[in-house]
C-alpha atoms as a PDB file:
ATOM      1  CA  MET A   1      93.486  69.357  91.186  1.00  0.00           C
ATOM      2  CA  PRO A   2      93.566  72.784  93.217  1.00  0.00           C
ATOM      3  CA  LYS A   3      96.825  74.556  92.861  1.00  0.00           C
ATOM      4  CA  THR A   4      98.189  77.071  95.530  1.00  0.00           C
ATOM      5  CA  THR A   5     101.545  79.558  95.633  1.00  0.00           C
ATOM      6  CA  VAL A   6     104.561  79.061  98.368  1.00  0.00           C
ATOM      7  CA  THR A   7     105.411  82.827  99.438  1.00  0.00           C
ATOM      8  CA  LYS A   8     108.712  83.502 101.569  1.00  0.00           C
ATOM      9  CA  THR A   9     108.126  85.074 104.751  1.00  0.00           C
ATOM     10  CA  SER A  10     110.714  87.230 106.816  1.00  0.00           C
ATOM     11  CA  SER A  11     110.450  88.196 110.455  1.00  0.00           C
ATOM     12  CA  LYS A  12     113.453  89.897 112.694  1.00  0.00           C
ATOM     13  CA  ILE A  13     113.140  88.272 116.442  1.00  0.00           C
ATOM     14  CA  THR A  14     115.354  89.086 119.510  1.00  0.00           C
ATOM     15  CA  ASN A  15     116.636  85.985 121.252  1.00  0.00           C
ATOM     16  CA  SER A  16     116.835  86.538 125.432  1.00  0.00           C
ATOM     17  CA  ASP A  17     120.281  87.640 125.113  1.00  0.00           C
ATOM     18  CA  GLY A  18     118.985  90.488 123.378  1.00  0.00           C
ATOM     19  CA  GLU A  19     120.636  89.464 120.061  1.00  0.00           C
ATOM     20  CA  GLU A  20     118.286  90.153 116.897  1.00  0.00           C
ATOM     21  CA  ARG A  21     118.182  87.721 113.657  1.00  0.00           C
ATOM     22  CA  THR A  22     116.166  87.149 111.057  1.00  0.00           C
ATOM     23  CA  VAL A  23     113.686  83.889 110.631  1.00  0.00           C
ATOM     24  CA  GLU A  24     112.311  83.048 106.960  1.00  0.00           C
ATOM     25  CA  GLN A  25     109.356  80.713 106.586  1.00  0.00           C
ATOM     26  CA  TYR A  26     107.389  79.774 103.380  1.00  0.00           C
ATOM     27  CA  ARG A  27     103.827  79.910 103.300  1.00  0.00           C
ATOM     28  CA  THR A  28     100.978  78.380 101.327  1.00  0.00           C
ATOM     29  CA  THR A  29      97.408  77.882 101.633  1.00  0.00           C
ATOM     30  CA  VAL A  30      95.235  74.701 102.030  1.00  0.00           C
ATOM     31  CA  PRO A  31      92.101  74.792  99.844  1.00  0.00           C
ATOM     32  CA  LYS A  32      88.741  75.056 101.748  1.00  0.00           C
ATOM     33  CA  GLY A  33      87.384  72.017 100.092  1.00  0.00           C
ATOM     34  CA  ILE A  34      90.369  70.007 100.978  1.00  0.00           C
ATOM     35  CA  ALA A  35      90.554  70.985 104.477  1.00  0.00           C
ATOM     36  CA  GLU A  36      86.912  70.362 104.840  1.00  0.00           C
ATOM     37  CA  ALA A  37      87.308  67.125 103.660  1.00  0.00           C
ATOM     38  CA  MET A  38      90.156  66.503 105.809  1.00  0.00           C
ATOM     39  CA  GLY A  39      88.633  68.027 108.699  1.00  0.00           C
ATOM     40  CA  LEU A  40      91.939  69.713 109.007  1.00  0.00           C
ATOM     41  CA  GLU A  41      90.834  72.832 111.580  1.00  0.00           C
ATOM     42  CA  GLY A  42      92.260  73.395 114.541  1.00  0.00           C
ATOM     43  CA  GLU A  43      94.445  69.792 113.634  1.00  0.00           C
ATOM     44  CA  ARG A  44      98.564  69.195 114.095  1.00  0.00           C
ATOM     45  CA  ILE A  45      99.927  68.145 111.231  1.00  0.00           C
ATOM     46  CA  GLU A  46     103.153  66.323 110.477  1.00  0.00           C
ATOM     47  CA  TRP A  47     105.249  67.151 107.078  1.00  0.00           C
ATOM     48  CA  GLU A  48     107.360  64.239 105.265  1.00  0.00           C
ATOM     49  CA  VAL A  49     109.428  64.856 102.000  1.00  0.00           C
ATOM     50  CA  LYS A  50     108.765  61.847 100.081  1.00  0.00           C
ATOM     51  CA  SER A  51     110.795  62.829  96.762  1.00  0.00           C
ATOM     52  CA  GLY A  52     112.330  66.010  95.380  1.00  0.00           C
ATOM     53  CA  ASN A  53     108.335  67.236  94.368  1.00  0.00           C
ATOM     54  CA  LYS A  54     106.222  65.460  96.636  1.00  0.00           C
ATOM     55  CA  LEU A  55     104.970  66.475 100.769  1.00  0.00           C
ATOM     56  CA  GLU A  56     103.125  64.207 102.452  1.00  0.00           C
ATOM     57  CA  ILE A  57     101.118  65.709 105.608  1.00  0.00           C
ATOM     58  CA  THR A  58      99.791  63.355 108.432  1.00  0.00           C
ATOM     59  CA  ILE A  59      97.248  64.179 110.340  1.00  0.00           C
ATOM     60  CA  LEU A  60      98.453  63.597 114.189  1.00  0.00           C
ATOM     61  CA  ASP A  61      96.642  62.019 117.039  1.00  0.00           C
ATOM     62  CA  ASP A  62      96.306  63.898 120.226  1.00  0.00           C
END
């Protein structure tokens, strides 16, 4: 099974009131073989926590 790393990213944004705040997100990559096999390119997906160490993604129908 392919393995990837999760990295934390931060960026500063300014809201409509001119207040600046920091937004933090986490990022990972989907291995090419999995993305191609599932046809993920350009798709919208939904993430769901299934347990303390398992996520499920579902491709959303438009």
